[in-house]
Amino acid sequence: MVGYSNELFQREATIGQTYAEKVAAELQKRKIPCYATELEFAKNEADRKRFENEQDVILTTQTGCIEVKSRRLAFRNDPTTYPYGTAFVDTVIGWDKKNPRPLAVVLVSQITDAMLVVPVSTQPKWTQHAAFDRVRQINENWYQVKRSDLKTFNELVFWLKDRHDPYLRNDSTSTINL
């Protein structure tokens, strides 16, 4: 059993950081001021608690953060292309520790770099699912969301702009609910 060794954790965290930076860069390109938090590792076992509520992308001109989860799955920027009827959001333990809650979770394909969004407003509809984590080689409880509740990255951008200042948007769409 591989378990969650320090080496495995650091490798996966480094991969995750790459995708957090991609999401932050894409948001910045679309005029959403933000930054990906710097990757840092605990110095020892006692220092791990400091990272329990780590945030991936911090918004700088409005309150909130964005969680980023990269997946070894192929999909495009259209929710109907997600390869399963449900998508894992986060581990139950990991999500339940988050305070404050992220505004949204961006799922990024490690194969295509496509991005889909889990609106946190859908949390009342999430279900729990026990599954085997092939990377960590452990059983884990996950929150999952229906594919039909996923949104496009563009919808997240419109929602963030509308949330910050409805007059900043340069399109004619009405208020977006995410």
N, C-alpha and C. Protein backbone atom coordinates (compact mmCIF):
# COMPACT_ATOMS: atom_id res chain seq x y z
N MET A 1 0.84 -1.19 0.00
CA MET A 1 0.00 0.00 0.00
C MET A 1 0.88 1.25 0.00
N VAL A 2 0.62 2.13 -0.93
CA VAL A 2 1.40 3.36 -1.05
C VAL A 2 1.06 4.31 0.08
N GLY A 3 -0.24 4.48 0.38
CA GLY A 3 -0.64 5.44 1.41
C GLY A 3 -0.36 6.86 0.98
N TYR A 4 -0.37 7.72 1.93
CA TYR A 4 -0.16 9.14 1.60
C TYR A 4 1.20 9.56 2.10
N SER A 5 2.24 9.04 1.48
CA SER A 5 3.60 9.35 1.87
C SER A 5 3.91 10.82 1.61
N ASN A 6 4.91 11.32 2.26
CA ASN A 6 5.32 12.71 2.08
C ASN A 6 5.71 12.96 0.62
N GLU A 7 6.41 12.01 0.01
CA GLU A 7 6.83 12.16 -1.39
C GLU A 7 5.62 12.24 -2.32
N LEU A 8 4.65 11.36 -2.11
CA LEU A 8 3.43 11.36 -2.92
C LEU A 8 2.66 12.66 -2.71
N PHE A 9 2.52 13.07 -1.47
CA PHE A 9 1.81 14.31 -1.17
C PHE A 9 2.46 15.49 -1.88
N GLN A 10 3.79 15.60 -1.79
CA GLN A 10 4.48 16.73 -2.42
C GLN A 10 4.36 16.69 -3.94
N ARG A 11 4.42 15.49 -4.52
CA ARG A 11 4.26 15.37 -5.98
C ARG A 11 2.87 15.82 -6.40
N GLU A 12 1.84 15.34 -5.73
CA GLU A 12 0.47 15.70 -6.08
C GLU A 12 0.19 17.17 -5.81
N ALA A 13 0.73 17.71 -4.73
CA ALA A 13 0.54 19.14 -4.42
C ALA A 13 1.20 20.00 -5.49
N THR A 14 2.35 19.58 -5.98
CA THR A 14 3.05 20.33 -7.03
C THR A 14 2.24 20.31 -8.33
N ILE A 15 1.67 19.16 -8.66
CA ILE A 15 0.81 19.08 -9.84
C ILE A 15 -0.40 19.99 -9.65
N GLY A 16 -1.03 19.91 -8.49
CA GLY A 16 -2.19 20.74 -8.19
C GLY A 16 -1.88 22.22 -8.28
N GLN A 17 -0.69 22.61 -7.83
CA GLN A 17 -0.28 24.02 -7.89
C GLN A 17 -0.23 24.52 -9.32
N THR A 18 0.24 23.68 -10.23
CA THR A 18 0.29 24.04 -11.65
C THR A 18 -1.09 24.42 -12.16
N TYR A 19 -2.10 23.65 -11.77
CA TYR A 19 -3.46 23.92 -12.24
C TYR A 19 -4.09 25.11 -11.52
N ALA A 20 -3.76 25.32 -10.26
CA ALA A 20 -4.23 26.52 -9.56
C ALA A 20 -3.68 27.76 -10.26
N GLU A 21 -2.42 27.71 -10.67
CA GLU A 21 -1.81 28.83 -11.39
C GLU A 21 -2.48 29.05 -12.75
N LYS A 22 -2.85 27.95 -13.43
CA LYS A 22 -3.54 28.08 -14.72
C LYS A 22 -4.91 28.73 -14.54
N VAL A 23 -5.63 28.34 -13.51
CA VAL A 23 -6.94 28.93 -13.26
C VAL A 23 -6.79 30.41 -12.92
N ALA A 24 -5.84 30.75 -12.06
CA ALA A 24 -5.60 32.16 -11.71
C ALA A 24 -5.23 32.96 -12.96
N ALA A 25 -4.37 32.42 -13.80
CA ALA A 25 -3.96 33.12 -15.03
C ALA A 25 -5.15 33.35 -15.95
N GLU A 26 -6.01 32.35 -16.07
CA GLU A 26 -7.19 32.48 -16.93
C GLU A 26 -8.15 33.53 -16.37
N LEU A 27 -8.34 33.55 -15.06
CA LEU A 27 -9.19 34.57 -14.44
C LEU A 27 -8.58 35.97 -14.65
N GLN A 28 -7.27 36.09 -14.47
CA GLN A 28 -6.60 37.38 -14.66
C GLN A 28 -6.75 37.86 -16.10
N LYS A 29 -6.63 36.93 -17.05
CA LYS A 29 -6.81 37.27 -18.47
C LYS A 29 -8.19 37.86 -18.72
N ARG A 30 -9.13 37.44 -17.92
CA ARG A 30 -10.51 37.89 -18.08
C ARG A 30 -10.86 39.01 -17.09
N LYS A 31 -9.82 39.66 -16.60
CA LYS A 31 -9.96 40.85 -15.75
C LYS A 31 -10.58 40.56 -14.38
N ILE A 32 -10.31 39.38 -13.83
CA ILE A 32 -10.70 39.06 -12.46
C ILE A 32 -9.41 39.09 -11.64
N PRO A 33 -9.19 40.15 -10.83
CA PRO A 33 -7.97 40.22 -10.04
C PRO A 33 -7.89 39.09 -9.00
N CYS A 34 -6.81 38.34 -9.08
CA CYS A 34 -6.63 37.20 -8.18
C CYS A 34 -5.18 36.72 -8.25
N TYR A 35 -4.87 35.75 -7.41
CA TYR A 35 -3.56 35.10 -7.48
C TYR A 35 -3.66 33.69 -6.91
N ALA A 36 -2.81 32.81 -7.40
CA ALA A 36 -2.70 31.47 -6.84
C ALA A 36 -1.79 31.57 -5.62
N THR A 37 -2.21 30.95 -4.54
CA THR A 37 -1.38 30.98 -3.34
C THR A 37 -0.09 30.22 -3.60
N GLU A 38 0.94 30.61 -2.90
CA GLU A 38 2.25 30.01 -3.07
C GLU A 38 2.27 28.60 -2.49
N LEU A 39 2.91 27.69 -3.19
CA LEU A 39 3.04 26.32 -2.71
C LEU A 39 4.07 26.27 -1.59
N GLU A 40 3.65 25.70 -0.50
CA GLU A 40 4.52 25.60 0.68
C GLU A 40 4.20 24.28 1.36
N PHE A 41 5.18 23.66 1.97
CA PHE A 41 4.98 22.39 2.65
C PHE A 41 5.22 22.54 4.14
N ALA A 42 4.55 21.72 4.92
CA ALA A 42 4.74 21.72 6.37
C ALA A 42 6.17 21.33 6.70
N LYS A 43 6.71 21.98 7.69
CA LYS A 43 8.09 21.70 8.11
C LYS A 43 8.19 20.40 8.92
N ASN A 44 7.09 20.06 9.58
CA ASN A 44 7.04 18.84 10.39
C ASN A 44 5.58 18.50 10.64
N GLU A 45 5.35 17.42 11.35
CA GLU A 45 3.98 16.94 11.62
C GLU A 45 3.14 18.00 12.32
N ALA A 46 3.71 18.68 13.29
CA ALA A 46 2.97 19.70 14.05
C ALA A 46 2.58 20.89 13.17
N ASP A 47 3.36 21.16 12.14
CA ASP A 47 3.12 22.30 11.25
C ASP A 47 1.99 22.03 10.25
N ARG A 48 1.55 20.78 10.12
CA ARG A 48 0.51 20.43 9.14
C ARG A 48 -0.81 21.15 9.38
N LYS A 49 -1.15 21.40 10.63
CA LYS A 49 -2.43 22.04 10.95
C LYS A 49 -2.56 23.39 10.26
N ARG A 50 -1.45 24.06 10.05
CA ARG A 50 -1.44 25.37 9.40
C ARG A 50 -2.01 25.31 7.98
N PHE A 51 -2.01 24.14 7.37
CA PHE A 51 -2.43 23.99 5.97
C PHE A 51 -3.83 23.40 5.82
N GLU A 52 -4.52 23.17 6.92
CA GLU A 52 -5.84 22.54 6.85
C GLU A 52 -6.85 23.34 6.04
N ASN A 53 -6.74 24.63 6.06
CA ASN A 53 -7.73 25.47 5.36
C ASN A 53 -7.09 26.25 4.23
N GLU A 54 -6.15 25.61 3.58
CA GLU A 54 -5.42 26.27 2.49
C GLU A 54 -6.37 26.62 1.35
N GLN A 55 -6.14 27.76 0.73
CA GLN A 55 -6.97 28.22 -0.36
C GLN A 55 -6.13 28.27 -1.63
N ASP A 56 -6.72 27.89 -2.77
CA ASP A 56 -5.96 27.77 -4.02
C ASP A 56 -5.81 29.10 -4.75
N VAL A 57 -6.93 29.76 -5.02
CA VAL A 57 -6.91 31.04 -5.75
C VAL A 57 -7.66 32.06 -4.91
N ILE A 58 -6.98 33.15 -4.60
CA ILE A 58 -7.55 34.22 -3.78
C ILE A 58 -7.97 35.37 -4.68
N LEU A 59 -9.19 35.82 -4.51
CA LEU A 59 -9.67 37.01 -5.23
C LEU A 59 -9.19 38.24 -4.47
N THR A 60 -8.72 39.24 -5.20
CA THR A 60 -8.11 40.38 -4.52
C THR A 60 -9.00 41.62 -4.42
N THR A 61 -10.03 41.73 -5.24
CA THR A 61 -10.88 42.92 -5.16
C THR A 61 -12.28 42.59 -4.68
N GLN A 62 -12.48 41.35 -4.29
CA GLN A 62 -13.74 40.94 -3.69
C GLN A 62 -13.44 39.80 -2.73
N THR A 63 -14.32 39.59 -1.79
CA THR A 63 -14.12 38.56 -0.79
C THR A 63 -14.32 37.19 -1.41
N GLY A 64 -13.41 36.28 -1.10
CA GLY A 64 -13.61 34.90 -1.52
C GLY A 64 -12.41 34.26 -2.16
N CYS A 65 -12.54 32.96 -2.35
CA CYS A 65 -11.49 32.18 -2.99
C CYS A 65 -12.13 31.13 -3.89
N ILE A 66 -11.31 30.54 -4.74
CA ILE A 66 -11.72 29.50 -5.66
C ILE A 66 -10.89 28.26 -5.36
N GLU A 67 -11.54 27.14 -5.23
CA GLU A 67 -10.86 25.86 -5.04
C GLU A 67 -10.58 25.28 -6.42
N VAL A 68 -9.44 24.62 -6.59
CA VAL A 68 -9.08 24.03 -7.88
C VAL A 68 -8.79 22.55 -7.66
N LYS A 69 -9.41 21.73 -8.49
CA LYS A 69 -9.18 20.29 -8.45
C LYS A 69 -8.87 19.83 -9.86
N SER A 70 -7.68 19.30 -10.06
CA SER A 70 -7.33 18.78 -11.39
C SER A 70 -7.65 17.28 -11.40
N ARG A 71 -8.08 16.83 -12.57
CA ARG A 71 -8.50 15.43 -12.73
C ARG A 71 -7.78 14.82 -13.92
N ARG A 72 -7.42 13.56 -13.78
CA ARG A 72 -6.81 12.81 -14.87
C ARG A 72 -7.92 12.25 -15.78
N LEU A 73 -8.76 13.17 -16.26
CA LEU A 73 -9.89 12.83 -17.12
C LEU A 73 -9.90 13.75 -18.32
N ALA A 74 -10.42 13.25 -19.44
CA ALA A 74 -10.55 14.09 -20.64
C ALA A 74 -11.97 14.64 -20.72
N PHE A 75 -12.08 15.95 -20.77
CA PHE A 75 -13.34 16.63 -21.04
C PHE A 75 -13.03 17.98 -21.66
N ARG A 76 -14.07 18.62 -22.19
CA ARG A 76 -13.91 19.94 -22.80
C ARG A 76 -14.59 20.98 -21.92
N ASN A 77 -14.67 22.20 -22.39
CA ASN A 77 -15.24 23.30 -21.61
C ASN A 77 -16.77 23.30 -21.58
N ASP A 78 -17.37 22.19 -21.92
CA ASP A 78 -18.81 22.03 -21.94
C ASP A 78 -19.17 20.94 -20.93
N PRO A 79 -20.03 21.24 -19.95
CA PRO A 79 -20.36 20.25 -18.93
C PRO A 79 -20.87 18.91 -19.48
N THR A 80 -21.51 18.93 -20.64
CA THR A 80 -22.02 17.67 -21.19
C THR A 80 -20.90 16.72 -21.62
N THR A 81 -19.67 17.23 -21.71
CA THR A 81 -18.54 16.38 -22.11
C THR A 81 -17.87 15.71 -20.92
N TYR A 82 -18.31 16.03 -19.70
CA TYR A 82 -17.71 15.37 -18.53
C TYR A 82 -18.01 13.88 -18.66
N PRO A 83 -17.01 13.02 -18.50
CA PRO A 83 -17.17 11.61 -18.86
C PRO A 83 -18.04 10.76 -17.93
N TYR A 84 -18.50 11.30 -16.83
CA TYR A 84 -19.34 10.55 -15.89
C TYR A 84 -20.58 11.35 -15.54
N GLY A 85 -21.57 10.69 -15.01
CA GLY A 85 -22.81 11.33 -14.61
C GLY A 85 -22.66 12.19 -13.37
N THR A 86 -21.59 11.94 -12.60
CA THR A 86 -21.28 12.76 -11.42
C THR A 86 -19.80 13.10 -11.45
N ALA A 87 -19.45 14.16 -10.72
CA ALA A 87 -18.04 14.58 -10.61
C ALA A 87 -17.69 14.69 -9.13
N PHE A 88 -16.51 14.22 -8.77
CA PHE A 88 -16.05 14.41 -7.40
C PHE A 88 -15.75 15.88 -7.18
N VAL A 89 -16.21 16.40 -6.06
CA VAL A 89 -15.95 17.80 -5.70
C VAL A 89 -14.70 17.86 -4.82
N ASP A 90 -14.71 17.11 -3.73
CA ASP A 90 -13.61 17.10 -2.76
C ASP A 90 -13.88 15.95 -1.80
N THR A 91 -12.88 15.61 -0.99
CA THR A 91 -13.14 14.63 0.05
C THR A 91 -14.08 15.25 1.07
N VAL A 92 -14.88 14.44 1.70
CA VAL A 92 -15.80 14.94 2.71
C VAL A 92 -15.01 15.60 3.84
N ILE A 93 -13.97 14.95 4.30
CA ILE A 93 -13.15 15.51 5.38
C ILE A 93 -12.53 16.84 4.97
N GLY A 94 -11.95 16.89 3.77
CA GLY A 94 -11.30 18.12 3.30
C GLY A 94 -12.28 19.27 3.14
N TRP A 95 -13.43 19.00 2.52
CA TRP A 95 -14.41 20.06 2.29
C TRP A 95 -14.99 20.57 3.61
N ASP A 96 -15.30 19.65 4.50
CA ASP A 96 -15.94 20.05 5.76
C ASP A 96 -15.04 20.90 6.64
N LYS A 97 -13.74 20.87 6.42
CA LYS A 97 -12.79 21.70 7.19
C LYS A 97 -12.68 23.12 6.62
N LYS A 98 -13.13 23.32 5.41
CA LYS A 98 -12.93 24.62 4.76
C LYS A 98 -13.79 25.70 5.41
N ASN A 99 -13.11 26.75 5.85
CA ASN A 99 -13.79 27.88 6.47
C ASN A 99 -12.95 29.13 6.25
N PRO A 100 -13.39 30.07 5.45
CA PRO A 100 -14.68 30.09 4.77
C PRO A 100 -14.70 29.16 3.57
N ARG A 101 -15.90 28.83 3.13
CA ARG A 101 -16.07 27.96 1.96
C ARG A 101 -15.64 28.72 0.70
N PRO A 102 -15.02 28.01 -0.24
CA PRO A 102 -14.74 28.64 -1.53
C PRO A 102 -16.03 29.05 -2.22
N LEU A 103 -15.95 30.00 -3.13
CA LEU A 103 -17.11 30.44 -3.90
C LEU A 103 -17.50 29.41 -4.96
N ALA A 104 -16.51 28.68 -5.45
CA ALA A 104 -16.73 27.68 -6.48
C ALA A 104 -15.54 26.74 -6.50
N VAL A 105 -15.74 25.59 -7.12
CA VAL A 105 -14.66 24.63 -7.33
C VAL A 105 -14.47 24.51 -8.84
N VAL A 106 -13.25 24.75 -9.31
CA VAL A 106 -12.95 24.61 -10.73
C VAL A 106 -12.28 23.24 -10.93
N LEU A 107 -12.90 22.44 -11.78
CA LEU A 107 -12.34 21.14 -12.16
C LEU A 107 -11.56 21.33 -13.45
N VAL A 108 -10.31 20.93 -13.45
CA VAL A 108 -9.46 21.11 -14.62
C VAL A 108 -9.03 19.73 -15.14
N SER A 109 -9.17 19.52 -16.43
CA SER A 109 -8.71 18.28 -17.05
C SER A 109 -7.19 18.32 -17.19
N GLN A 110 -6.52 17.34 -16.63
CA GLN A 110 -5.07 17.25 -16.79
C GLN A 110 -4.70 16.79 -18.19
N ILE A 111 -5.68 16.39 -18.97
CA ILE A 111 -5.43 15.92 -20.33
C ILE A 111 -5.66 17.03 -21.35
N THR A 112 -6.75 17.79 -21.19
CA THR A 112 -7.11 18.81 -22.18
C THR A 112 -6.95 20.24 -21.68
N ASP A 113 -6.72 20.43 -20.39
CA ASP A 113 -6.68 21.75 -19.73
C ASP A 113 -8.03 22.46 -19.71
N ALA A 114 -9.11 21.76 -20.10
CA ALA A 114 -10.44 22.35 -20.05
C ALA A 114 -10.83 22.56 -18.59
N MET A 115 -11.74 23.53 -18.37
CA MET A 115 -12.17 23.87 -17.02
C MET A 115 -13.69 23.86 -16.94
N LEU A 116 -14.19 23.19 -15.91
CA LEU A 116 -15.61 23.19 -15.58
C LEU A 116 -15.76 23.64 -14.13
N VAL A 117 -16.95 24.08 -13.78
CA VAL A 117 -17.14 24.70 -12.47
C VAL A 117 -18.25 24.01 -11.69
N VAL A 118 -17.96 23.76 -10.42
CA VAL A 118 -18.96 23.29 -9.47
C VAL A 118 -19.39 24.50 -8.65
N PRO A 119 -20.60 25.00 -8.85
CA PRO A 119 -21.06 26.11 -8.02
C PRO A 119 -21.31 25.60 -6.60
N VAL A 120 -20.82 26.32 -5.62
CA VAL A 120 -21.02 25.92 -4.23
C VAL A 120 -22.51 26.01 -3.87
N SER A 121 -23.26 26.80 -4.62
CA SER A 121 -24.70 26.89 -4.37
C SER A 121 -25.40 25.54 -4.59
N THR A 122 -24.73 24.61 -5.27
CA THR A 122 -25.33 23.29 -5.50
C THR A 122 -25.06 22.33 -4.34
N GLN A 123 -24.32 22.76 -3.33
CA GLN A 123 -23.94 21.86 -2.24
C GLN A 123 -25.12 21.11 -1.61
N PRO A 124 -26.28 21.73 -1.43
CA PRO A 124 -27.39 20.95 -0.86
C PRO A 124 -27.78 19.72 -1.69
N LYS A 125 -27.40 19.70 -2.96
CA LYS A 125 -27.72 18.56 -3.83
C LYS A 125 -26.57 17.55 -3.93
N TRP A 126 -25.41 17.87 -3.34
CA TRP A 126 -24.29 16.95 -3.42
C TRP A 126 -24.62 15.67 -2.66
N THR A 127 -24.04 14.59 -3.11
CA THR A 127 -24.18 13.33 -2.40
C THR A 127 -22.79 12.86 -1.99
N GLN A 128 -22.76 11.92 -1.06
CA GLN A 128 -21.48 11.34 -0.65
C GLN A 128 -21.31 9.98 -1.31
N HIS A 129 -20.07 9.68 -1.64
CA HIS A 129 -19.76 8.42 -2.33
C HIS A 129 -18.42 7.91 -1.82
N ALA A 130 -18.40 6.68 -1.36
CA ALA A 130 -17.14 6.04 -0.96
C ALA A 130 -16.49 5.46 -2.21
N ALA A 131 -15.21 5.77 -2.40
CA ALA A 131 -14.50 5.28 -3.58
C ALA A 131 -13.03 5.07 -3.26
N PHE A 132 -12.41 4.24 -4.05
CA PHE A 132 -10.98 3.96 -3.90
C PHE A 132 -10.18 5.02 -4.63
N ASP A 133 -9.28 5.69 -3.92
CA ASP A 133 -8.40 6.69 -4.51
C ASP A 133 -7.20 5.95 -5.10
N ARG A 134 -7.14 5.89 -6.43
CA ARG A 134 -6.08 5.13 -7.10
C ARG A 134 -4.70 5.75 -6.90
N VAL A 135 -4.64 7.06 -6.70
CA VAL A 135 -3.34 7.70 -6.52
C VAL A 135 -2.78 7.41 -5.13
N ARG A 136 -3.61 7.66 -4.12
CA ARG A 136 -3.16 7.45 -2.73
C ARG A 136 -3.32 6.01 -2.26
N GLN A 137 -4.03 5.21 -3.06
CA GLN A 137 -4.25 3.80 -2.72
C GLN A 137 -4.99 3.62 -1.40
N ILE A 138 -6.04 4.44 -1.19
CA ILE A 138 -6.86 4.35 0.02
C ILE A 138 -8.33 4.53 -0.35
N ASN A 139 -9.20 4.05 0.52
CA ASN A 139 -10.63 4.33 0.37
C ASN A 139 -10.90 5.69 0.97
N GLU A 140 -11.77 6.45 0.33
CA GLU A 140 -12.06 7.82 0.76
C GLU A 140 -13.53 8.11 0.52
N ASN A 141 -14.10 8.97 1.35
CA ASN A 141 -15.47 9.45 1.14
C ASN A 141 -15.40 10.78 0.42
N TRP A 142 -16.18 10.90 -0.66
CA TRP A 142 -16.15 12.08 -1.52
C TRP A 142 -17.52 12.73 -1.59
N TYR A 143 -17.53 14.05 -1.72
CA TYR A 143 -18.73 14.73 -2.16
C TYR A 143 -18.73 14.67 -3.68
N GLN A 144 -19.89 14.45 -4.25
CA GLN A 144 -20.00 14.45 -5.70
C GLN A 144 -21.21 15.27 -6.11
N VAL A 145 -21.12 15.80 -7.32
CA VAL A 145 -22.17 16.65 -7.89
C VAL A 145 -22.61 16.04 -9.22
N LYS A 146 -23.87 16.22 -9.56
CA LYS A 146 -24.35 15.72 -10.85
C LYS A 146 -23.73 16.55 -11.98
N ARG A 147 -23.42 15.86 -13.06
CA ARG A 147 -22.86 16.54 -14.25
C ARG A 147 -23.78 17.68 -14.68
N SER A 148 -25.08 17.50 -14.56
CA SER A 148 -26.03 18.53 -14.98
C SER A 148 -25.95 19.80 -14.14
N ASP A 149 -25.29 19.74 -12.98
CA ASP A 149 -25.10 20.92 -12.14
C ASP A 149 -23.78 21.65 -12.39
N LEU A 150 -22.94 21.09 -13.26
CA LEU A 150 -21.68 21.76 -13.60
C LEU A 150 -21.96 22.97 -14.48
N LYS A 151 -21.10 23.97 -14.38
CA LYS A 151 -21.21 25.18 -15.19
C LYS A 151 -19.93 25.37 -16.00
N THR A 152 -20.00 26.26 -16.98
CA THR A 152 -18.81 26.57 -17.76
C THR A 152 -17.94 27.57 -17.00
N PHE A 153 -16.69 27.64 -17.39
CA PHE A 153 -15.78 28.62 -16.81
C PHE A 153 -16.26 30.03 -17.13
N ASN A 154 -16.79 30.23 -18.33
CA ASN A 154 -17.34 31.55 -18.70
C ASN A 154 -18.44 31.98 -17.74
N GLU A 155 -19.29 31.05 -17.33
CA GLU A 155 -20.35 31.39 -16.39
C GLU A 155 -19.77 31.84 -15.05
N LEU A 156 -18.70 31.19 -14.62
CA LEU A 156 -18.03 31.62 -13.39
C LEU A 156 -17.50 33.04 -13.54
N VAL A 157 -16.85 33.32 -14.66
CA VAL A 157 -16.31 34.66 -14.89
C VAL A 157 -17.42 35.71 -14.88
N PHE A 158 -18.51 35.45 -15.59
CA PHE A 158 -19.64 36.39 -15.60
C PHE A 158 -20.18 36.60 -14.19
N TRP A 159 -20.31 35.51 -13.44
CA TRP A 159 -20.84 35.58 -12.08
C TRP A 159 -19.92 36.41 -11.18
N LEU A 160 -18.61 36.17 -11.29
CA LEU A 160 -17.66 36.94 -10.47
C LEU A 160 -17.70 38.42 -10.83
N LYS A 161 -17.77 38.73 -12.11
CA LYS A 161 -17.85 40.13 -12.52
C LYS A 161 -19.15 40.76 -12.03
N ASP A 162 -20.23 40.04 -12.16
CA ASP A 162 -21.53 40.54 -11.73
C ASP A 162 -21.57 40.71 -10.21
N ARG A 163 -20.95 39.78 -9.51
CA ARG A 163 -20.90 39.82 -8.04
C ARG A 163 -20.09 41.03 -7.57
N HIS A 164 -19.00 41.31 -8.28
CA HIS A 164 -18.13 42.44 -7.91
C HIS A 164 -18.77 43.77 -8.27
N ASP A 165 -19.22 43.86 -9.51
CA ASP A 165 -19.84 45.09 -9.99
C ASP A 165 -20.57 44.78 -11.30
N PRO A 166 -21.89 44.75 -11.27
CA PRO A 166 -22.65 44.39 -12.48
C PRO A 166 -22.34 45.27 -13.68
N TYR A 167 -21.81 46.47 -13.46
CA TYR A 167 -21.52 47.38 -14.57
C TYR A 167 -20.18 47.11 -15.24
N LEU A 168 -19.38 46.20 -14.65
CA LEU A 168 -18.09 45.86 -15.25
C LEU A 168 -18.23 44.91 -16.44
N ARG A 169 -19.33 44.18 -16.50
CA ARG A 169 -19.50 43.22 -17.58
C ARG A 169 -19.75 43.94 -18.89
N ASN A 170 -19.21 43.40 -19.95
CA ASN A 170 -19.37 44.00 -21.28
C ASN A 170 -20.28 43.15 -22.15
N ASP A 171 -21.24 42.46 -21.56
CA ASP A 171 -22.17 41.67 -22.35
C ASP A 171 -23.59 42.02 -21.95
N SER A 172 -24.55 41.46 -22.63
CA SER A 172 -25.93 41.81 -22.38
C SER A 172 -26.69 40.75 -21.58
N THR A 173 -25.99 39.76 -21.03
CA THR A 173 -26.68 38.72 -20.27
C THR A 173 -27.19 39.29 -18.96
N SER A 174 -28.27 38.70 -18.50
CA SER A 174 -28.82 39.13 -17.22
C SER A 174 -27.96 38.57 -16.09
N THR A 175 -28.33 38.90 -14.88
CA THR A 175 -27.57 38.45 -13.73
C THR A 175 -27.45 36.93 -13.75
N ILE A 176 -26.25 36.45 -13.54
CA ILE A 176 -25.95 35.02 -13.55
C ILE A 176 -26.06 34.49 -12.12
N ASN A 177 -26.71 33.37 -11.97
CA ASN A 177 -26.76 32.68 -10.67
C ASN A 177 -25.81 31.52 -10.73
N LEU A 178 -24.84 31.51 -9.85
CA LEU A 178 -23.88 30.41 -9.82
C LEU A 178 -24.01 29.68 -8.51
